[in-house]
C-alpha atoms as a PDB file:
ATOM      1  CA  MET A   1      40.787  -8.134 -37.164  1.00  0.00           C
ATOM      2  CA  THR A   2      42.974  -8.585 -34.118  1.00  0.00           C
ATOM      3  CA  ILE A   3      41.539 -10.522 -31.193  1.00  0.00           C
ATOM      4  CA  ARG A   4      41.358  -7.570 -28.898  1.00  0.00           C
ATOM      5  CA  PRO A   5      38.989  -5.357 -31.144  1.00  0.00           C
ATOM      6  CA  LEU A   6      37.337  -9.174 -31.719  1.00  0.00           C
ATOM      7  CA  LEU A   7      36.644  -9.683 -28.435  1.00  0.00           C
ATOM      8  CA  THR A   8      35.711  -6.187 -27.667  1.00  0.00           C
ATOM      9  CA  SER A   9      33.128  -6.288 -30.335  1.00  0.00           C
ATOM     10  CA  ILE A  10      31.470  -9.363 -28.783  1.00  0.00           C
ATOM     11  CA  VAL A  11      31.510  -7.763 -25.365  1.00  0.00           C
ATOM     12  CA  LEU A  12      29.764  -4.836 -26.485  1.00  0.00           C
ATOM     13  CA  ALA A  13      27.252  -7.253 -28.764  1.00  0.00           C
ATOM     14  CA  CYS A  14      26.290  -9.214 -25.795  1.00  0.00           C
ATOM     15  CA  ALA A  15      25.606  -6.167 -23.741  1.00  0.00           C
ATOM     16  CA  SER A  16      23.586  -4.826 -26.036  1.00  0.00           C
ATOM     17  CA  VAL A  17      21.481  -8.112 -26.392  1.00  0.00           C
ATOM     18  CA  ALA A  18      21.534  -8.161 -22.291  1.00  0.00           C
ATOM     19  CA  ALA A  19      19.921  -4.798 -22.634  1.00  0.00           C
ATOM     20  CA  GLN A  20      17.574  -5.548 -25.016  1.00  0.00           C
ATOM     21  CA  ALA A  21      16.702  -8.447 -23.204  1.00  0.00           C
ATOM     22  CA  ALA A  22      15.285  -6.788 -19.822  1.00  0.00           C
ATOM     23  CA  ASP A  23      11.452  -7.326 -19.406  1.00  0.00           C
ATOM     24  CA  LYS A  24       9.648  -4.476 -18.764  1.00  0.00           C
ATOM     25  CA  LEU A  25       6.754  -4.528 -15.844  1.00  0.00           C
ATOM     26  CA  THR A  26       4.281  -1.394 -15.838  1.00  0.00           C
ATOM     27  CA  VAL A  27       4.227  -1.020 -11.596  1.00  0.00           C
ATOM     28  CA  GLN A  28       0.426   0.321 -10.660  1.00  0.00           C
ATOM     29  CA  LEU A  29       0.768   2.376  -7.177  1.00  0.00           C
ATOM     30  CA  ASP A  30      -2.437   2.499  -5.381  1.00  0.00           C
ATOM     31  CA  TRP A  31      -1.945   6.574  -4.862  1.00  0.00           C
ATOM     32  CA  LEU A  32       0.596   9.239  -5.569  1.00  0.00           C
ATOM     33  CA  PRO A  33       4.222   8.565  -4.461  1.00  0.00           C
ATOM     34  CA  GLY A  34       4.262   9.276  -0.686  1.00  0.00           C
ATOM     35  CA  GLY A  35       7.153   8.004   1.489  1.00  0.00           C
ATOM     36  CA  ASP A  36       5.344   4.683   2.103  1.00  0.00           C
ATOM     37  CA  LYS A  37       6.497   3.830  -1.531  1.00  0.00           C
ATOM     38  CA  SER A  38       9.922   4.826  -1.388  1.00  0.00           C
ATOM     39  CA  PHE A  39      11.386   1.085  -1.321  1.00  0.00           C
ATOM     40  CA  VAL A  40       9.702   0.938  -4.574  1.00  0.00           C
ATOM     41  CA  TYR A  41      11.806   3.951  -5.726  1.00  0.00           C
ATOM     42  CA  SER A  42      14.855   2.336  -4.067  1.00  0.00           C
ATOM     43  CA  GLY A  43      14.555  -0.626  -6.197  1.00  0.00           C
ATOM     44  CA  ILE A  44      14.968   1.175  -9.211  1.00  0.00           C
ATOM     45  CA  GLU A  45      17.591   3.738  -7.816  1.00  0.00           C
ATOM     46  CA  GLN A  46      19.787   0.822  -6.157  1.00  0.00           C
ATOM     47  CA  GLY A  47      19.089  -1.063  -8.944  1.00  0.00           C
ATOM     48  CA  PHE A  48      17.660  -4.259  -7.568  1.00  0.00           C
ATOM     49  CA  PHE A  49      14.760  -4.328 -10.597  1.00  0.00           C
ATOM     50  CA  LYS A  50      17.787  -4.321 -13.007  1.00  0.00           C
ATOM     51  CA  GLU A  51      19.870  -6.773 -11.170  1.00  0.00           C
ATOM     52  CA  GLU A  52      16.622  -8.815 -11.675  1.00  0.00           C
ATOM     53  CA  GLY A  53      17.017  -7.848 -15.919  1.00  0.00           C
ATOM     54  CA  LEU A  54      13.468  -5.682 -15.398  1.00  0.00           C
ATOM     55  CA  GLU A  55      12.965  -2.881 -16.576  1.00  0.00           C
ATOM     56  CA  VAL A  56       9.754  -0.998 -14.491  1.00  0.00           C
ATOM     57  CA  GLN A  57       7.200   1.838 -15.397  1.00  0.00           C
ATOM     58  CA  VAL A  58       5.571   3.486 -12.295  1.00  0.00           C
ATOM     59  CA  LEU A  59       2.596   4.875 -12.573  1.00  0.00           C
ATOM     60  CA  THR A  60       0.621   6.783  -9.999  1.00  0.00           C
ATOM     61  CA  GLY A  61      -3.214   5.825  -8.861  1.00  0.00           C
ATOM     62  CA  ARG A  62      -6.161   6.857  -7.427  1.00  0.00           C
ATOM     63  CA  GLY A  63      -7.090   4.441  -4.587  1.00  0.00           C
ATOM     64  CA  SER A  64      -6.650   0.821  -4.136  1.00  0.00           C
ATOM     65  CA  THR A  65      -9.835  -0.270  -6.088  1.00  0.00           C
ATOM     66  CA  ASP A  66      -8.505   1.749  -8.717  1.00  0.00           C
ATOM     67  CA  ALA A  67      -5.146   0.284  -8.739  1.00  0.00           C
ATOM     68  CA  VAL A  68      -7.031  -3.631  -8.733  1.00  0.00           C
ATOM     69  CA  THR A  69      -8.902  -2.254 -11.894  1.00  0.00           C
ATOM     70  CA  LYS A  70      -6.029  -0.986 -14.030  1.00  0.00           C
ATOM     71  CA  ILE A  71      -3.854  -4.701 -13.087  1.00  0.00           C
ATOM     72  CA  ALA A  72      -7.299  -6.735 -14.248  1.00  0.00           C
ATOM     73  CA  THR A  73      -7.532  -4.444 -17.350  1.00  0.00           C
ATOM     74  CA  GLY A  74      -4.059  -5.068 -18.416  1.00  0.00           C
ATOM     75  CA  THR A  75      -3.322  -1.060 -18.019  1.00  0.00           C
ATOM     76  CA  ALA A  76      -0.390  -2.535 -15.612  1.00  0.00           C
ATOM     77  CA  ASP A  77       1.114  -5.852 -14.554  1.00  0.00           C
ATOM     78  CA  VAL A  78       1.623  -5.751 -11.039  1.00  0.00           C
ATOM     79  CA  GLY A  79       0.777  -3.170  -8.302  1.00  0.00           C
ATOM     80  CA  PHE A  80      -0.209  -2.169  -4.886  1.00  0.00           C
ATOM     81  CA  GLY A  81      -3.391  -1.985  -2.746  1.00  0.00           C
ATOM     82  CA  GLY A  82      -5.270  -3.224   0.115  1.00  0.00           C
ATOM     83  CA  ILE A  83      -6.561  -6.971  -0.004  1.00  0.00           C
ATOM     84  CA  SER A  84      -9.752  -5.689   0.991  1.00  0.00           C
ATOM     85  CA  ALA A  85     -10.151  -3.903  -2.446  1.00  0.00           C
ATOM     86  CA  LEU A  86      -9.158  -7.067  -4.377  1.00  0.00           C
ATOM     87  CA  MET A  87     -11.809  -8.951  -2.154  1.00  0.00           C
ATOM     88  CA  MET A  88     -14.543  -6.499  -2.644  1.00  0.00           C
ATOM     89  CA  ALA A  89     -13.647  -6.698  -6.516  1.00  0.00           C
ATOM     90  CA  ALA A  90     -14.036 -10.586  -6.129  1.00  0.00           C
ATOM     91  CA  ALA A  91     -17.296 -10.316  -4.595  1.00  0.00           C
ATOM     92  CA  GLU A  92     -18.787  -8.432  -7.322  1.00  0.00           C
ATOM     93  CA  GLY A  93     -17.275 -10.521 -10.181  1.00  0.00           C
ATOM     94  CA  ASN A  94     -14.649 -12.493 -11.334  1.00  0.00           C
ATOM     95  CA  VAL A  95     -11.368 -10.452 -11.096  1.00  0.00           C
ATOM     96  CA  PRO A  96      -8.253 -11.588 -12.784  1.00  0.00           C
ATOM     97  CA  VAL A  97      -5.906 -10.126 -10.037  1.00  0.00           C
ATOM     98  CA  LYS A  98      -4.342 -12.350  -6.947  1.00  0.00           C
ATOM     99  CA  ALA A  99      -2.216 -10.796  -4.066  1.00  0.00           C
ATOM    100  CA  VAL A 100       1.270 -12.414  -4.289  1.00  0.00           C
ATOM    101  CA  MET A 101       3.275 -10.631  -1.337  1.00  0.00           C
ATOM    102  CA  SER A 102       1.769  -9.321   2.096  1.00  0.00           C
ATOM    103  CA  LEU A 103       3.197  -5.915   2.567  1.00  0.00           C
ATOM    104  CA  TYR A 104       1.297  -5.012   5.836  1.00  0.00           C
ATOM    105  CA  SER A 105       0.735  -7.444   7.890  1.00  0.00           C
ATOM    106  CA  LYS A 106      -1.346  -4.981  10.050  1.00  0.00           C
ATOM    107  CA  GLN A 107      -4.040  -2.846   9.238  1.00  0.00           C
ATOM    108  CA  PRO A 108      -2.912   0.894   8.493  1.00  0.00           C
ATOM    109  CA  ASP A 109      -6.139   2.432   9.008  1.00  0.00           C
ATOM    110  CA  ALA A 110      -6.967   4.943  11.288  1.00  0.00           C
ATOM    111  CA  LEU A 111      -8.790   8.024  13.024  1.00  0.00           C
ATOM    112  CA  PHE A 112      -6.625  11.243  12.611  1.00  0.00           C
ATOM    113  CA  THR A 113      -7.218  14.581  14.719  1.00  0.00           C
ATOM    114  CA  ARG A 114      -6.463  17.790  16.423  1.00  0.00           C
ATOM    115  CA  ALA A 115      -4.763  16.655  19.974  1.00  0.00           C
ATOM    116  CA  SER A 116      -7.105  19.685  21.361  1.00  0.00           C
ATOM    117  CA  SER A 117     -10.386  17.850  20.356  1.00  0.00           C
ATOM    118  CA  GLY A 118     -10.739  15.988  23.093  1.00  0.00           C
ATOM    119  CA  ILE A 119     -11.015  12.806  20.799  1.00  0.00           C
ATOM    120  CA  LYS A 120      -9.624   9.723  22.407  1.00  0.00           C
ATOM    121  CA  THR A 121     -11.702   6.900  21.686  1.00  0.00           C
ATOM    122  CA  LEU A 122     -14.280   6.028  18.318  1.00  0.00           C
ATOM    123  CA  LYS A 123     -17.330   7.056  20.789  1.00  0.00           C
ATOM    124  CA  ASP A 124     -16.374  10.373  21.002  1.00  0.00           C
ATOM    125  CA  MET A 125     -16.945  10.790  17.613  1.00  0.00           C
ATOM    126  CA  GLU A 126     -20.999  11.021  17.901  1.00  0.00           C
ATOM    127  CA  GLY A 127     -21.971  14.392  16.975  1.00  0.00           C
ATOM    128  CA  LYS A 128     -18.991  15.063  15.532  1.00  0.00           C
ATOM    129  CA  THR A 129     -17.897  15.331  11.777  1.00  0.00           C
ATOM    130  CA  VAL A 130     -15.325  13.338   9.607  1.00  0.00           C
ATOM    131  CA  ALA A 131     -13.867  13.718   6.685  1.00  0.00           C
ATOM    132  CA  MET A 132     -12.398  10.587   4.077  1.00  0.00           C
ATOM    133  CA  PRO A 133     -11.106   9.835   1.120  1.00  0.00           C
ATOM    134  CA  THR A 134     -13.706   9.695  -2.004  1.00  0.00           C
ATOM    135  CA  PHE A 135     -11.967   6.540  -2.740  1.00  0.00           C
ATOM    136  CA  SER A 136     -10.236   4.107  -0.054  1.00  0.00           C
ATOM    137  CA  SER A 137     -10.214   0.894   1.007  1.00  0.00           C
ATOM    138  CA  SER A 138     -10.958   2.356   4.781  1.00  0.00           C
ATOM    139  CA  ASN A 139     -14.372   3.769   3.933  1.00  0.00           C
ATOM    140  CA  ALA A 140     -16.076   0.108   3.652  1.00  0.00           C
ATOM    141  CA  LEU A 141     -14.386  -0.991   6.933  1.00  0.00           C
ATOM    142  CA  TRP A 142     -15.319   2.326   8.817  1.00  0.00           C
ATOM    143  CA  PRO A 143     -18.896   1.294   9.715  1.00  0.00           C
ATOM    144  CA  VAL A 144     -18.170  -2.467  10.964  1.00  0.00           C
ATOM    145  CA  VAL A 145     -15.208  -0.738  13.234  1.00  0.00           C
ATOM    146  CA  LEU A 146     -17.890   1.610  14.511  1.00  0.00           C
ATOM    147  CA  GLN A 147     -20.746  -1.248  15.097  1.00  0.00           C
ATOM    148  CA  LYS A 148     -17.863  -3.001  16.894  1.00  0.00           C
ATOM    149  CA  ASN A 149     -17.077  -0.404  19.416  1.00  0.00           C
ATOM    150  CA  GLY A 150     -20.336   0.346  20.027  1.00  0.00           C
ATOM    151  CA  VAL A 151     -21.034   3.468  18.280  1.00  0.00           C
ATOM    152  CA  ASP A 152     -23.939   4.818  16.525  1.00  0.00           C
ATOM    153  CA  ALA A 153     -22.350   5.638  12.752  1.00  0.00           C
ATOM    154  CA  GLU A 154     -25.698   8.079  12.252  1.00  0.00           C
ATOM    155  CA  LYS A 155     -24.775  10.325  14.728  1.00  0.00           C
ATOM    156  CA  ILE A 156     -21.281  10.828  12.918  1.00  0.00           C
ATOM    157  CA  ARG A 157     -21.530  13.123   9.895  1.00  0.00           C
ATOM    158  CA  VAL A 158     -19.310  12.008   6.851  1.00  0.00           C
ATOM    159  CA  ILE A 159     -17.741  14.294   4.287  1.00  0.00           C
ATOM    160  CA  LYS A 160     -16.283  12.764   1.287  1.00  0.00           C
ATOM    161  CA  THR A 161     -13.341  14.645  -0.235  1.00  0.00           C
ATOM    162  CA  ASP A 162     -10.021  14.901  -2.179  1.00  0.00           C
ATOM    163  CA  PRO A 163      -7.281  13.273   0.464  1.00  0.00           C
ATOM    164  CA  SER A 164      -5.123  16.131  -0.558  1.00  0.00           C
ATOM    165  CA  THR A 165      -7.657  18.660   1.180  1.00  0.00           C
ATOM    166  CA  MET A 166      -7.993  16.660   4.344  1.00  0.00           C
ATOM    167  CA  ALA A 167      -5.185  17.993   6.384  1.00  0.00           C
ATOM    168  CA  PRO A 168      -5.867  21.410   5.679  1.00  0.00           C
ATOM    169  CA  MET A 169      -9.804  20.953   6.469  1.00  0.00           C
ATOM    170  CA  LEU A 170      -8.240  18.953   9.639  1.00  0.00           C
ATOM    171  CA  ALA A 171      -5.676  22.181  10.685  1.00  0.00           C
ATOM    172  CA  GLN A 172      -8.302  24.398   9.626  1.00  0.00           C
ATOM    173  CA  GLY A 173     -11.159  22.930  12.014  1.00  0.00           C
ATOM    174  CA  ARG A 174     -13.333  22.475   9.100  1.00  0.00           C
ATOM    175  CA  VAL A 175     -13.531  18.824  10.726  1.00  0.00           C
ATOM    176  CA  ASP A 176     -13.107  16.873  13.487  1.00  0.00           C
ATOM    177  CA  ALA A 177     -11.106  14.231  12.199  1.00  0.00           C
ATOM    178  CA  THR A 178     -10.140  12.615   8.988  1.00  0.00           C
ATOM    179  CA  ILE A 179      -9.723   9.019   7.912  1.00  0.00           C
ATOM    180  CA  ASN A 180      -6.155   8.331   6.687  1.00  0.00           C
ATOM    181  CA  TRP A 181      -3.480   5.326   6.942  1.00  0.00           C
ATOM    182  CA  VAL A 182      -1.211   5.912   9.418  1.00  0.00           C
ATOM    183  CA  THR A 183       1.502   6.140   7.146  1.00  0.00           C
ATOM    184  CA  VAL A 184       0.364   9.544   6.008  1.00  0.00           C
ATOM    185  CA  GLY A 185       0.884  11.214   9.248  1.00  0.00           C
ATOM    186  CA  PRO A 186       3.844  13.162   9.253  1.00  0.00           C
ATOM    187  CA  ALA A 187       2.596  14.938   6.279  1.00  0.00           C
ATOM    188  CA  PHE A 188      -0.491  16.056   8.492  1.00  0.00           C
ATOM    189  CA  LYS A 189       1.603  16.697  11.456  1.00  0.00           C
ATOM    190  CA  ASP A 190       3.507  19.320   9.174  1.00  0.00           C
ATOM    191  CA  VAL A 191       0.590  20.520   7.897  1.00  0.00           C
ATOM    192  CA  LEU A 192      -0.890  21.078  11.518  1.00  0.00           C
ATOM    193  CA  GLY A 193       2.324  22.305  13.206  1.00  0.00           C
ATOM    194  CA  GLN A 194       1.691  25.342  10.416  1.00  0.00           C
ATOM    195  CA  ALA A 195      -1.761  25.983  12.192  1.00  0.00           C
ATOM    196  CA  LYS A 196      -0.350  25.847  15.511  1.00  0.00           C
ATOM    197  CA  GLN A 197      -1.901  22.390  15.993  1.00  0.00           C
ATOM    198  CA  GLU A 198      -0.955  19.099  17.122  1.00  0.00           C
ATOM    199  CA  LEU A 199      -1.730  15.824  15.574  1.00  0.00           C
ATOM    200  CA  ALA A 200      -3.222  13.055  17.553  1.00  0.00           C
ATOM    201  CA  VAL A 201      -3.731   9.245  15.906  1.00  0.00           C
ATOM    202  CA  LEU A 202      -6.311   6.544  16.545  1.00  0.00           C
ATOM    203  CA  PRO A 203      -4.757   3.504  15.137  1.00  0.00           C
ATOM    204  CA  TRP A 204      -8.023   1.235  14.205  1.00  0.00           C
ATOM    205  CA  THR A 205      -5.848  -1.885  15.554  1.00  0.00           C
ATOM    206  CA  ASP A 206      -6.442  -0.169  18.838  1.00  0.00           C
ATOM    207  CA  PHE A 207      -9.915  -0.691  18.688  1.00  0.00           C
ATOM    208  CA  GLY A 208     -10.321  -4.430  17.323  1.00  0.00           C
ATOM    209  CA  LEU A 209      -9.186  -4.365  13.501  1.00  0.00           C
ATOM    210  CA  ASP A 210      -7.014  -7.131  12.487  1.00  0.00           C
ATOM    211  CA  GLY A 211      -6.307  -8.589   8.832  1.00  0.00           C
ATOM    212  CA  TYR A 212      -3.909  -8.032   6.117  1.00  0.00           C
ATOM    213  CA  GLY A 213      -3.556  -4.276   4.492  1.00  0.00           C
ATOM    214  CA  TRP A 214      -1.280  -3.390   1.695  1.00  0.00           C
ATOM    215  CA  SER A 215      -0.550  -6.189  -0.697  1.00  0.00           C
ATOM    216  CA  ALA A 216       1.628  -7.159  -3.662  1.00  0.00           C
ATOM    217  CA  LEU A 217      -0.650  -7.855  -6.661  1.00  0.00           C
ATOM    218  CA  ALA A 218      -0.402  -9.181  -9.889  1.00  0.00           C
ATOM    219  CA  SER A 219      -2.847 -10.044 -13.027  1.00  0.00           C
ATOM    220  CA  ASP A 220      -3.321 -13.331 -13.452  1.00  0.00           C
ATOM    221  CA  LYS A 221      -1.804 -13.270 -17.162  1.00  0.00           C
ATOM    222  CA  LEU A 222       1.723 -12.431 -15.873  1.00  0.00           C
ATOM    223  CA  ILE A 223       1.351 -15.337 -13.206  1.00  0.00           C
ATOM    224  CA  ASN A 224       0.364 -18.165 -15.835  1.00  0.00           C
ATOM    225  CA  GLU A 225       2.655 -16.580 -18.416  1.00  0.00           C
ATOM    226  CA  LYS A 226       5.430 -15.463 -17.278  1.00  0.00           C
ATOM    227  CA  PRO A 227       5.688 -16.439 -13.498  1.00  0.00           C
ATOM    228  CA  GLU A 228       9.563 -16.366 -13.825  1.00  0.00           C
ATOM    229  CA  VAL A 229       9.044 -12.597 -14.505  1.00  0.00           C
ATOM    230  CA  LEU A 230       6.655 -12.167 -11.631  1.00  0.00           C
ATOM    231  CA  GLN A 231       9.608 -14.094  -9.499  1.00  0.00           C
ATOM    232  CA  ARG A 232      12.253 -12.100 -10.317  1.00  0.00           C
ATOM    233  CA  TYR A 233      10.577  -8.698  -9.566  1.00  0.00           C
ATOM    234  CA  LEU A 234       9.284  -9.803  -6.029  1.00  0.00           C
ATOM    235  CA  ARG A 235      12.618 -10.633  -5.230  1.00  0.00           C
ATOM    236  CA  ALA A 236      13.789  -7.408  -6.149  1.00  0.00           C
ATOM    237  CA  LEU A 237      11.308  -5.883  -4.398  1.00  0.00           C
ATOM    238  CA  THR A 238      11.789  -7.924  -1.257  1.00  0.00           C
ATOM    239  CA  LYS A 239      15.545  -6.345  -1.662  1.00  0.00           C
ATOM    240  CA  SER A 240      13.811  -2.730  -1.985  1.00  0.00           C
ATOM    241  CA  VAL A 241      11.936  -3.375   1.326  1.00  0.00           C
ATOM    242  CA  GLU A 242      14.948  -4.416   3.560  1.00  0.00           C
ATOM    243  CA  PHE A 243      17.054  -1.793   2.449  1.00  0.00           C
ATOM    244  CA  ALA A 244      14.634   0.702   3.020  1.00  0.00           C
ATOM    245  CA  ILE A 245      13.949  -0.468   6.441  1.00  0.00           C
ATOM    246  CA  ALA A 246      17.814  -0.206   6.862  1.00  0.00           C
ATOM    247  CA  ASN A 247      18.324   2.948   5.202  1.00  0.00           C
ATOM    248  CA  PRO A 248      15.007   5.089   5.526  1.00  0.00           C
ATOM    249  CA  GLN A 249      17.040   8.195   4.707  1.00  0.00           C
ATOM    250  CA  GLN A 250      18.231   6.715   1.463  1.00  0.00           C
ATOM    251  CA  ALA A 251      15.188   5.666   0.223  1.00  0.00           C
ATOM    252  CA  ALA A 252      13.403   9.091   0.806  1.00  0.00           C
ATOM    253  CA  ALA A 253      16.319  10.346  -1.210  1.00  0.00           C
ATOM    254  CA  ASP A 254      15.679   7.681  -4.008  1.00  0.00           C
ATOM    255  CA  LEU A 255      12.161   8.812  -4.027  1.00  0.00           C
ATOM    256  CA  LYS A 256      13.138  12.215  -4.221  1.00  0.00           C
ATOM    257  CA  ALA A 257      15.561  11.296  -6.967  1.00  0.00           C
ATOM    258  CA  GLN A 258      12.636  10.314  -9.263  1.00  0.00           C
ATOM    259  CA  VAL A 259       9.921  12.943  -7.619  1.00  0.00           C
ATOM    260  CA  PRO A 260      11.902  16.245  -7.440  1.00  0.00           C
ATOM    261  CA  GLU A 261       9.367  17.633  -5.919  1.00  0.00           C
ATOM    262  CA  ALA A 262       8.950  15.810  -2.964  1.00  0.00           C
ATOM    263  CA  ASN A 263      10.281  16.749   0.522  1.00  0.00           C
ATOM    264  CA  ALA A 264      12.474  14.314   1.597  1.00  0.00           C
ATOM    265  CA  THR A 265      12.448  14.776   4.991  1.00  0.00           C
ATOM    266  CA  VAL A 266       8.606  14.177   4.952  1.00  0.00           C
ATOM    267  CA  VAL A 267       8.880  10.981   3.291  1.00  0.00           C
ATOM    268  CA  GLN A 268      11.602   9.660   5.311  1.00  0.00           C
ATOM    269  CA  ALA A 269       8.651   9.922   8.074  1.00  0.00           C
ATOM    270  CA  GLU A 270       6.106   8.872   6.171  1.00  0.00           C
ATOM    271  CA  PHE A 271       8.318   5.403   5.438  1.00  0.00           C
ATOM    272  CA  GLU A 272       9.590   4.850   9.097  1.00  0.00           C
ATOM    273  CA  ALA A 273       5.590   5.214  10.050  1.00  0.00           C
ATOM    274  CA  SER A 274       4.903   2.439   7.987  1.00  0.00           C
ATOM    275  CA  ILE A 275       7.753   0.333   9.304  1.00  0.00           C
ATOM    276  CA  PRO A 276       5.775  -1.026  11.708  1.00  0.00           C
ATOM    277  CA  LEU A 277       3.233  -2.500   9.500  1.00  0.00           C
ATOM    278  CA  LEU A 278       6.007  -4.413   7.583  1.00  0.00           C
ATOM    279  CA  ARG A 279       7.692  -5.873  10.552  1.00  0.00           C
ATOM    280  CA  ASN A 280       5.804  -6.789  13.144  1.00  0.00           C
ATOM    281  CA  GLU A 281       4.875  -9.609  15.386  1.00  0.00           C
ATOM    282  CA  VAL A 282       2.781 -11.030  13.055  1.00  0.00           C
ATOM    283  CA  SER A 283       5.584 -11.205   9.797  1.00  0.00           C
ATOM    284  CA  GLN A 284       8.042 -12.295  12.258  1.00  0.00           C
ATOM    285  CA  ALA A 285       5.925 -15.377  13.267  1.00  0.00           C
ATOM    286  CA  ASN A 286       4.416 -15.972   9.666  1.00  0.00           C
ATOM    287  CA  GLY A 287       7.390 -15.028   7.477  1.00  0.00           C
ATOM    288  CA  PHE A 288       7.472 -11.544   5.721  1.00  0.00           C
ATOM    289  CA  GLY A 289       5.047 -11.299   2.866  1.00  0.00           C
ATOM    290  CA  THR A 290       3.404 -14.855   3.678  1.00  0.00           C
ATOM    291  CA  PHE A 291      -0.723 -14.881   3.938  1.00  0.00           C
ATOM    292  CA  ASP A 292      -1.222 -16.601   6.983  1.00  0.00           C
ATOM    293  CA  PRO A 293      -4.476 -18.720   6.264  1.00  0.00           C
ATOM    294  CA  ALA A 294      -6.671 -17.738   9.488  1.00  0.00           C
ATOM    295  CA  LEU A 295      -5.485 -13.924   9.105  1.00  0.00           C
ATOM    296  CA  LEU A 296      -6.616 -14.158   5.901  1.00  0.00           C
ATOM    297  CA  LYS A 297      -9.741 -15.455   7.099  1.00  0.00           C
ATOM    298  CA  ALA A 298     -10.181 -12.806   9.484  1.00  0.00           C
ATOM    299  CA  THR A 299      -9.491  -9.770   6.802  1.00  0.00           C
ATOM    300  CA  TRP A 300     -12.495 -11.377   4.927  1.00  0.00           C
ATOM    301  CA  GLY A 301     -14.725 -11.478   7.629  1.00  0.00           C
ATOM    302  CA  TRP A 302     -14.108  -7.642   8.447  1.00  0.00           C
ATOM    303  CA  VAL A 303     -15.115  -6.900   4.462  1.00  0.00           C
ATOM    304  CA  SER A 304     -18.045  -9.195   4.293  1.00  0.00           C
ATOM    305  CA  GLN A 305     -19.781  -7.414   7.252  1.00  0.00           C
ATOM    306  CA  SER A 306     -18.751  -3.857   6.328  1.00  0.00           C
ATOM    307  CA  MET A 307     -20.366  -4.750   2.570  1.00  0.00           C
ATOM    308  CA  ASN A 308     -23.113  -7.080   3.850  1.00  0.00           C
ATOM    309  CA  TYR A 309     -21.928 -10.015   1.607  1.00  0.00           C
ATOM    310  CA  ALA A 310     -22.475 -13.434   2.634  1.00  0.00           C
ATOM    311  CA  GLU A 311     -19.890 -14.966   4.346  1.00  0.00           C
ATOM    312  CA  ASP A 312     -19.627 -17.771   1.766  1.00  0.00           C
ATOM    313  CA  LYS A 313     -19.771 -15.266  -1.274  1.00  0.00           C
ATOM    314  CA  VAL A 314     -15.975 -15.472  -1.420  1.00  0.00           C
ATOM    315  CA  ASP A 315     -13.311 -18.204  -0.243  1.00  0.00           C
ATOM    316  CA  PRO A 316      -9.958 -15.585   0.163  1.00  0.00           C
ATOM    317  CA  GLU A 317      -8.096 -18.795  -0.369  1.00  0.00           C
ATOM    318  CA  THR A 318      -8.492 -17.896  -4.086  1.00  0.00           C
ATOM    319  CA  LEU A 319      -7.199 -14.567  -4.105  1.00  0.00           C
ATOM    320  CA  VAL A 320      -3.819 -15.382  -3.308  1.00  0.00           C
ATOM    321  CA  ASN A 321      -0.934 -16.978  -4.804  1.00  0.00           C
ATOM    322  CA  ARG A 322       1.607 -18.258  -2.593  1.00  0.00           C
ATOM    323  CA  SER A 323       3.872 -19.890  -4.776  1.00  0.00           C
ATOM    324  CA  PHE A 324       6.101 -17.168  -5.226  1.00  0.00           C
ATOM    325  CA  VAL A 325       6.800 -16.276  -1.236  1.00  0.00           C
ATOM    326  CA  LYS A 326       8.111 -19.023   0.927  1.00  0.00           C
ATOM    327  CA  PRO A 327       7.620 -19.040   4.762  1.00  0.00           C
END
């Protein structure tokens, strides 16, 4: 055999081994693949995960609690969810999951209403009807946010429903408001626009809600047994977020490449709506992805009050692992 064919054979063999050596990770979303998650698909389409020797499979979910459960039970290795859902799970029992990267250093929860409704403050909701998802980390916070703002929760009628029905219900006037994350505002705006209505968004951060929201989660099993794999995943994830922030239109196209039925225009608008949650004065002061002890404690304070937990029932520091993200 000549040298050239021999070298070619060696290169092909090494490439084959490298392909087989890619570490597989199952990534659990907390919901359907909306625009706020477009950076995950940029990680796939732009090759950031592949560059780190990772092959990822993305699973859709049914809320943050569902995501925590899937990661805890081994259905997924890593995923995303509101850190409040992790805190609630820990308060109810041992949960083998940690938050390993903060994504939203501001809370995304908001009240959506029609601009014509006259609802300008949470107090204006007394005597009105609000729709909320059946499973959402926002639900537990709602009564406490109301209490903090002097609103009588008993005077507000609550309807729990599937998230896909809430925008039509609001557009048709079947409810006065809905509880959502600000990231889905563009989709609601589109639906209300078709009904000749204008969307008004009341972020709960305007009414005193502080703390961490959406976070990257990982199983204790992965943290303990394959920390180097998790490190590579989070490195690729950070690149994906940075790319999407700099290129929101391409990030939307990346999601659409994986989810053909997605509306790229809405996806882009949804991701752009999430940028202030990803990049803000909190993340700039403490470093993207980090968990400031004081703000983490404040987050648990909101959760413990909302669920009537004793303040010392959970030490929030035990629910985060800072080994993989440095300030």
